[in-house]
Every structure is written in C-alpha cells, then in structure tokens.
Amino acid sequence: MDGTRRSDIKPGLRVSIVLKKDQRTGKLTEGIIKNILTNSPTHPHGIKVRLASGEVGRVKEIFDKIDNH
C-alpha cells in the first residue's frame, strides 16, 4: 500500500518514508508514525508524517494493514 491517501495512515503504523534530504536518492527510512502533518485527504508524493524518532518525511510504503471493522 502506498502512502498517498491520508485515510490509510494512522499514528502507530510502521511505515517507510523518504526524508527531504533523501528525495533525490529515494533512500527510505523506516519507523512508527507519531503525527500526521498533511491536512489534505491525498497527496501525490505521499502524506507527510513525523515518526516517533522525530524524523519528518513523506510516506512511501505502509507495512501494517488497517482493520476497518
């Protein structure tokens, strides 16, 4: 699952993000979401989040599935 829809992203999920400094290389950083920083429902480059480690970047991959039941 990619990280372009805000509805797919919740604090506590394990994700891969691309940090601003790594956008050219595409290097991914893995972590747990602490805050969602993007307000719009979608973003073509990924929803911006802050990880528990304090790093900020755009979600590229979501590892945990959200159970909507």
PDB file of N, CA and C in Angstrom:
ATOM      1  N   MET A   1       0.848  -1.183   0.000  1.00  0.00           N
ATOM      2  CA  MET A   1       0.000   0.000   0.000  1.00  0.00           C
ATOM      3  C   MET A   1       0.893   1.246   0.000  1.00  0.00           C
ATOM      4  N   ASP A   2       0.578   2.199  -0.873  1.00  0.00           N
ATOM      5  CA  ASP A   2       1.377   3.426  -0.888  1.00  0.00           C
ATOM      6  C   ASP A   2       0.801   4.424   0.118  1.00  0.00           C
ATOM      7  N   GLY A   3       1.465   5.529   0.289  1.00  0.00           N
ATOM      8  CA  GLY A   3       1.078   6.484   1.321  1.00  0.00           C
ATOM      9  C   GLY A   3       0.462   7.761   0.794  1.00  0.00           C
ATOM     10  N   THR A   4      -0.300   7.676  -0.303  1.00  0.00           N
ATOM     11  CA  THR A   4      -0.856   8.899  -0.890  1.00  0.00           C
ATOM     12  C   THR A   4      -2.226   9.281  -0.332  1.00  0.00           C
ATOM     13  N   ARG A   5      -2.892   8.360   0.388  1.00  0.00           N
ATOM     14  CA  ARG A   5      -4.222   8.656   0.955  1.00  0.00           C
ATOM     15  C   ARG A   5      -4.135   8.782   2.471  1.00  0.00           C
ATOM     16  N   ARG A   6      -4.570   9.919   2.978  1.00  0.00           N
ATOM     17  CA  ARG A   6      -4.499  10.187   4.418  1.00  0.00           C
ATOM     18  C   ARG A   6      -5.331   9.182   5.215  1.00  0.00           C
ATOM     19  N   SER A   7      -6.438   8.701   4.623  1.00  0.00           N
ATOM     20  CA  SER A   7      -7.322   7.769   5.327  1.00  0.00           C
ATOM     21  C   SER A   7      -6.641   6.426   5.616  1.00  0.00           C
ATOM     22  N   ASP A   8      -5.570   6.102   4.887  1.00  0.00           N
ATOM     23  CA  ASP A   8      -4.836   4.847   5.100  1.00  0.00           C
ATOM     24  C   ASP A   8      -3.808   4.956   6.224  1.00  0.00           C
ATOM     25  N   ILE A   9      -3.583   6.168   6.714  1.00  0.00           N
ATOM     26  CA  ILE A   9      -2.457   6.424   7.618  1.00  0.00           C
ATOM     27  C   ILE A   9      -2.969   6.807   8.996  1.00  0.00           C
ATOM     28  N   LYS A  10      -2.436   6.137  10.021  1.00  0.00           N
ATOM     29  CA  LYS A  10      -2.822   6.403  11.407  1.00  0.00           C
ATOM     30  C   LYS A  10      -1.560   6.370  12.280  1.00  0.00           C
ATOM     31  N   PRO A  11      -1.530   7.180  13.350  1.00  0.00           N
ATOM     32  CA  PRO A  11      -0.403   7.085  14.288  1.00  0.00           C
ATOM     33  C   PRO A  11      -0.263   5.661  14.815  1.00  0.00           C
ATOM     34  N   GLY A  12       0.971   5.218  14.946  1.00  0.00           N
ATOM     35  CA  GLY A  12       1.246   3.869  15.445  1.00  0.00           C
ATOM     36  C   GLY A  12       1.564   2.873  14.349  1.00  0.00           C
ATOM     37  N   LEU A  13       1.287   3.218  13.093  1.00  0.00           N
ATOM     38  CA  LEU A  13       1.604   2.308  11.989  1.00  0.00           C
ATOM     39  C   LEU A  13       3.094   2.331  11.678  1.00  0.00           C
ATOM     40  N   ARG A  14       3.611   1.188  11.219  1.00  0.00           N
ATOM     41  CA  ARG A  14       5.004   1.090  10.783  1.00  0.00           C
ATOM     42  C   ARG A  14       5.045   1.378   9.282  1.00  0.00           C
ATOM     43  N   VAL A  15       5.864   2.354   8.900  1.00  0.00           N
ATOM     44  CA  VAL A  15       5.918   2.807   7.508  1.00  0.00           C
ATOM     45  C   VAL A  15       7.358   3.056   7.066  1.00  0.00           C
ATOM     46  N   SER A  16       7.528   3.191   5.752  1.00  0.00           N
ATOM     47  CA  SER A  16       8.768   3.712   5.181  1.00  0.00           C
ATOM     48  C   SER A  16       8.475   5.103   4.669  1.00  0.00           C
ATOM     49  N   ILE A  17       9.352   6.041   4.999  1.00  0.00           N
ATOM     50  CA  ILE A  17       9.212   7.408   4.497  1.00  0.00           C
ATOM     51  C   ILE A  17      10.486   7.799   3.755  1.00  0.00           C
ATOM     52  N   VAL A  18      10.348   8.820   2.908  1.00  0.00           N
ATOM     53  CA  VAL A  18      11.533   9.413   2.295  1.00  0.00           C
ATOM     54  C   VAL A  18      11.704  10.789   2.937  1.00  0.00           C
ATOM     55  N   LEU A  19      12.870  10.999   3.527  1.00  0.00           N
ATOM     56  CA  LEU A  19      13.179  12.276   4.165  1.00  0.00           C
ATOM     57  C   LEU A  19      13.463  13.317   3.085  1.00  0.00           C
ATOM     58  N   LYS A  20      13.295  14.597   3.404  1.00  0.00           N
ATOM     59  CA  LYS A  20      13.553  15.683   2.445  1.00  0.00           C
ATOM     60  C   LYS A  20      14.969  15.562   1.865  1.00  0.00           C
ATOM     61  N   LYS A  21      15.943  15.300   2.717  1.00  0.00           N
ATOM     62  CA  LYS A  21      17.335  15.220   2.259  1.00  0.00           C
ATOM     63  C   LYS A  21      17.591  14.000   1.373  1.00  0.00           C
ATOM     64  N   ASP A  22      16.706  13.001   1.430  1.00  0.00           N
ATOM     65  CA  ASP A  22      16.880  11.771   0.654  1.00  0.00           C
ATOM     66  C   ASP A  22      15.992  11.711  -0.588  1.00  0.00           C
ATOM     67  N   GLN A  23      15.281  12.805  -0.901  1.00  0.00           N
ATOM     68  CA  GLN A  23      14.348  12.765  -2.024  1.00  0.00           C
ATOM     69  C   GLN A  23      15.045  12.473  -3.353  1.00  0.00           C
ATOM     70  N   ARG A  24      16.247  12.986  -3.532  1.00  0.00           N
ATOM     71  CA  ARG A  24      16.970  12.746  -4.796  1.00  0.00           C
ATOM     72  C   ARG A  24      17.376  11.284  -4.957  1.00  0.00           C
ATOM     73  N   THR A  25      17.800  10.667  -3.865  1.00  0.00           N
ATOM     74  CA  THR A  25      18.264   9.279  -3.938  1.00  0.00           C
ATOM     75  C   THR A  25      17.123   8.289  -3.767  1.00  0.00           C
ATOM     76  N   GLY A  26      16.043   8.716  -3.105  1.00  0.00           N
ATOM     77  CA  GLY A  26      14.921   7.809  -2.853  1.00  0.00           C
ATOM     78  C   GLY A  26      15.160   6.877  -1.676  1.00  0.00           C
ATOM     79  N   LYS A  27      16.211   7.140  -0.880  1.00  0.00           N
ATOM     80  CA  LYS A  27      16.516   6.300   0.285  1.00  0.00           C
ATOM     81  C   LYS A  27      15.357   6.359   1.276  1.00  0.00           C
ATOM     82  N   LEU A  28      14.920   5.183   1.745  1.00  0.00           N
ATOM     83  CA  LEU A  28      13.780   5.099   2.654  1.00  0.00           C
ATOM     84  C   LEU A  28      14.240   4.957   4.097  1.00  0.00           C
ATOM     85  N   THR A  29      13.461   5.535   5.000  1.00  0.00           N
ATOM     86  CA  THR A  29      13.682   5.438   6.432  1.00  0.00           C
ATOM     87  C   THR A  29      12.440   4.798   7.039  1.00  0.00           C
ATOM     88  N   GLU A  30      12.653   3.785   7.865  1.00  0.00           N
ATOM     89  CA  GLU A  30      11.527   3.055   8.444  1.00  0.00           C
ATOM     90  C   GLU A  30      11.282   3.532   9.868  1.00  0.00           C
ATOM     91  N   GLY A  31      10.004   3.569  10.261  1.00  0.00           N
ATOM     92  CA  GLY A  31       9.684   3.955  11.627  1.00  0.00           C
ATOM     93  C   GLY A  31       8.205   3.872  11.911  1.00  0.00           C
ATOM     94  N   ILE A  32       7.843   4.315  13.114  1.00  0.00           N
ATOM     95  CA  ILE A  32       6.457   4.309  13.582  1.00  0.00           C
ATOM     96  C   ILE A  32       5.923   5.740  13.526  1.00  0.00           C
ATOM     97  N   ILE A  33       4.720   5.914  12.964  1.00  0.00           N
ATOM     98  CA  ILE A  33       4.131   7.250  12.843  1.00  0.00           C
ATOM     99  C   ILE A  33       3.748   7.790  14.218  1.00  0.00           C
ATOM    100  N   LYS A  34       4.176   9.035  14.469  1.00  0.00           N
ATOM    101  CA  LYS A  34       3.785   9.746  15.685  1.00  0.00           C
ATOM    102  C   LYS A  34       2.675  10.748  15.358  1.00  0.00           C
ATOM    103  N   ASN A  35       2.868  11.573  14.318  1.00  0.00           N
ATOM    104  CA  ASN A  35       1.877  12.581  13.919  1.00  0.00           C
ATOM    105  C   ASN A  35       1.712  12.567  12.405  1.00  0.00           C
ATOM    106  N   ILE A  36       0.511  12.934  11.948  1.00  0.00           N
ATOM    107  CA  ILE A  36       0.263  13.158  10.523  1.00  0.00           C
ATOM    108  C   ILE A  36       0.316  14.664  10.305  1.00  0.00           C
ATOM    109  N   LEU A  37       1.153  15.105   9.361  1.00  0.00           N
ATOM    110  CA  LEU A  37       1.357  16.536   9.160  1.00  0.00           C
ATOM    111  C   LEU A  37       0.592  17.089   7.960  1.00  0.00           C
ATOM    112  N   THR A  38       0.204  16.240   7.008  1.00  0.00           N
ATOM    113  CA  THR A  38      -0.552  16.686   5.839  1.00  0.00           C
ATOM    114  C   THR A  38      -2.033  16.748   6.203  1.00  0.00           C
ATOM    115  N   ASN A  39      -2.671  17.883   5.887  1.00  0.00           N
ATOM    116  CA  ASN A  39      -4.095  18.045   6.194  1.00  0.00           C
ATOM    117  C   ASN A  39      -5.012  17.582   5.069  1.00  0.00           C
ATOM    118  N   SER A  40      -4.531  17.634   3.820  1.00  0.00           N
ATOM    119  CA  SER A  40      -5.397  17.267   2.694  1.00  0.00           C
ATOM    120  C   SER A  40      -5.617  15.756   2.658  1.00  0.00           C
ATOM    121  N   PRO A  41      -6.748  15.297   2.062  1.00  0.00           N
ATOM    122  CA  PRO A  41      -7.061  13.857   2.054  1.00  0.00           C
ATOM    123  C   PRO A  41      -6.088  13.021   1.225  1.00  0.00           C
ATOM    124  N   THR A  42      -5.467  13.620   0.203  1.00  0.00           N
ATOM    125  CA  THR A  42      -4.479  12.902  -0.604  1.00  0.00           C
ATOM    126  C   THR A  42      -3.318  13.828  -0.933  1.00  0.00           C
ATOM    127  N   HIS A  43      -2.185  13.225  -1.281  1.00  0.00           N
ATOM    128  CA  HIS A  43      -1.033  13.983  -1.769  1.00  0.00           C
ATOM    129  C   HIS A  43      -0.272  13.083  -2.729  1.00  0.00           C
ATOM    130  N   PRO A  44       0.008  13.573  -3.951  1.00  0.00           N
ATOM    131  CA  PRO A  44       0.630  12.708  -4.964  1.00  0.00           C
ATOM    132  C   PRO A  44       2.013  12.172  -4.582  1.00  0.00           C
ATOM    133  N   HIS A  45       2.732  12.879  -3.723  1.00  0.00           N
ATOM    134  CA  HIS A  45       4.084  12.444  -3.340  1.00  0.00           C
ATOM    135  C   HIS A  45       4.104  11.699  -2.016  1.00  0.00           C
ATOM    136  N   GLY A  46       2.941  11.541  -1.397  1.00  0.00           N
ATOM    137  CA  GLY A  46       2.865  10.850  -0.112  1.00  0.00           C
ATOM    138  C   GLY A  46       2.476  11.800   0.997  1.00  0.00           C
ATOM    139  N   ILE A  47       1.765  11.276   1.978  1.00  0.00           N
ATOM    140  CA  ILE A  47       1.330  12.066   3.131  1.00  0.00           C
ATOM    141  C   ILE A  47       2.542  12.320   4.033  1.00  0.00           C
ATOM    142  N   LYS A  48       2.705  13.564   4.459  1.00  0.00           N
ATOM    143  CA  LYS A  48       3.841  13.918   5.305  1.00  0.00           C
ATOM    144  C   LYS A  48       3.538  13.553   6.752  1.00  0.00           C
ATOM    145  N   VAL A  49       4.483  12.862   7.395  1.00  0.00           N
ATOM    146  CA  VAL A  49       4.317  12.423   8.776  1.00  0.00           C
ATOM    147  C   VAL A  49       5.584  12.684   9.583  1.00  0.00           C
ATOM    148  N   ARG A  50       5.412  12.675  10.913  1.00  0.00           N
ATOM    149  CA  ARG A  50       6.561  12.699  11.828  1.00  0.00           C
ATOM    150  C   ARG A  50       6.619  11.326  12.480  1.00  0.00           C
ATOM    151  N   LEU A  51       7.797  10.720  12.465  1.00  0.00           N
ATOM    152  CA  LEU A  51       7.985   9.421  13.100  1.00  0.00           C
ATOM    153  C   LEU A  51       8.247   9.599  14.591  1.00  0.00           C
ATOM    154  N   ALA A  52       8.138   8.508  15.342  1.00  0.00           N
ATOM    155  CA  ALA A  52       8.426   8.532  16.776  1.00  0.00           C
ATOM    156  C   ALA A  52       9.852   9.010  17.038  1.00  0.00           C
ATOM    157  N   SER A  53      10.745   8.780  16.066  1.00  0.00           N
ATOM    158  CA  SER A  53      12.151   9.203  16.201  1.00  0.00           C
ATOM    159  C   SER A  53      12.324  10.706  15.985  1.00  0.00           C
ATOM    160  N   GLY A  54      11.255  11.398  15.512  1.00  0.00           N
ATOM    161  CA  GLY A  54      11.322  12.835  15.256  1.00  0.00           C
ATOM    162  C   GLY A  54      11.585  13.180  13.805  1.00  0.00           C
ATOM    163  N   GLU A  55      11.907  12.174  12.990  1.00  0.00           N
ATOM    164  CA  GLU A  55      12.181  12.431  11.577  1.00  0.00           C
ATOM    165  C   GLU A  55      10.877  12.711  10.835  1.00  0.00           C
ATOM    166  N   VAL A  56      10.951  13.627   9.851  1.00  0.00           N
ATOM    167  CA  VAL A  56       9.775  14.027   9.083  1.00  0.00           C
ATOM    168  C   VAL A  56      10.002  13.684   7.615  1.00  0.00           C
ATOM    169  N   GLY A  57       8.988  13.077   7.001  1.00  0.00           N
ATOM    170  CA  GLY A  57       9.083  12.759   5.579  1.00  0.00           C
ATOM    171  C   GLY A  57       7.744  12.316   5.033  1.00  0.00           C
ATOM    172  N   ARG A  58       7.746  11.948   3.746  1.00  0.00           N
ATOM    173  CA  ARG A  58       6.522  11.524   3.076  1.00  0.00           C
ATOM    174  C   ARG A  58       6.447  10.000   3.014  1.00  0.00           C
ATOM    175  N   VAL A  59       5.262   9.466   3.329  1.00  0.00           N
ATOM    176  CA  VAL A  59       5.067   8.019   3.377  1.00  0.00           C
ATOM    177  C   VAL A  59       5.156   7.436   1.971  1.00  0.00           C
ATOM    178  N   LYS A  60       5.987   6.413   1.812  1.00  0.00           N
ATOM    179  CA  LYS A  60       6.124   5.704   0.543  1.00  0.00           C
ATOM    180  C   LYS A  60       5.545   4.304   0.614  1.00  0.00           C
ATOM    181  N   GLU A  61       5.561   3.696   1.801  1.00  0.00           N
ATOM    182  CA  GLU A  61       5.051   2.337   1.949  1.00  0.00           C
ATOM    183  C   GLU A  61       4.503   2.156   3.358  1.00  0.00           C
ATOM    184  N   ILE A  62       3.356   1.468   3.446  1.00  0.00           N
ATOM    185  CA  ILE A  62       2.741   1.167   4.734  1.00  0.00           C
ATOM    186  C   ILE A  62       2.881  -0.335   4.966  1.00  0.00           C
ATOM    187  N   PHE A  63       3.437  -0.734   6.111  1.00  0.00           N
ATOM    188  CA  PHE A  63       3.669  -2.149   6.404  1.00  0.00           C
ATOM    189  C   PHE A  63       2.500  -2.795   7.127  1.00  0.00           C
ATOM    190  N   ASP A  64       1.864  -2.046   8.030  1.00  0.00           N
ATOM    191  CA  ASP A  64       0.738  -2.605   8.782  1.00  0.00           C
ATOM    192  C   ASP A  64      -0.553  -2.340   8.033  1.00  0.00           C
ATOM    193  N   LYS A  65      -1.439  -3.301   8.051  1.00  0.00           N
ATOM    194  CA  LYS A  65      -2.752  -3.108   7.452  1.00  0.00           C
ATOM    195  C   LYS A  65      -3.713  -2.553   8.505  1.00  0.00           C
ATOM    196  N   ILE A  66      -4.564  -1.625   8.087  1.00  0.00           N
ATOM    197  CA  ILE A  66      -5.567  -1.060   8.996  1.00  0.00           C
ATOM    198  C   ILE A  66      -6.816  -1.907   8.921  1.00  0.00           C
ATOM    199  N   ASP A  67      -7.336  -2.287  10.060  1.00  0.00           N
ATOM    200  CA  ASP A  67      -8.568  -3.073  10.116  1.00  0.00           C
ATOM    201  C   ASP A  67      -9.734  -2.104  10.310  1.00  0.00           C
ATOM    202  N   ASN A  68     -10.578  -1.987   9.292  1.00  0.00           N
ATOM    203  CA  ASN A  68     -11.681  -1.032   9.332  1.00  0.00           C
ATOM    204  C   ASN A  68     -12.963  -1.624   9.914  1.00  0.00           C
ATOM    205  N   HIS A  69     -12.913  -2.801  10.523  1.00  0.00           N
ATOM    206  CA  HIS A  69     -14.127  -3.432  11.055  1.00  0.00           C
ATOM    207  C   HIS A  69     -14.340  -3.071  12.493  1.00  0.00           C
TER     208      HIS A  69
END
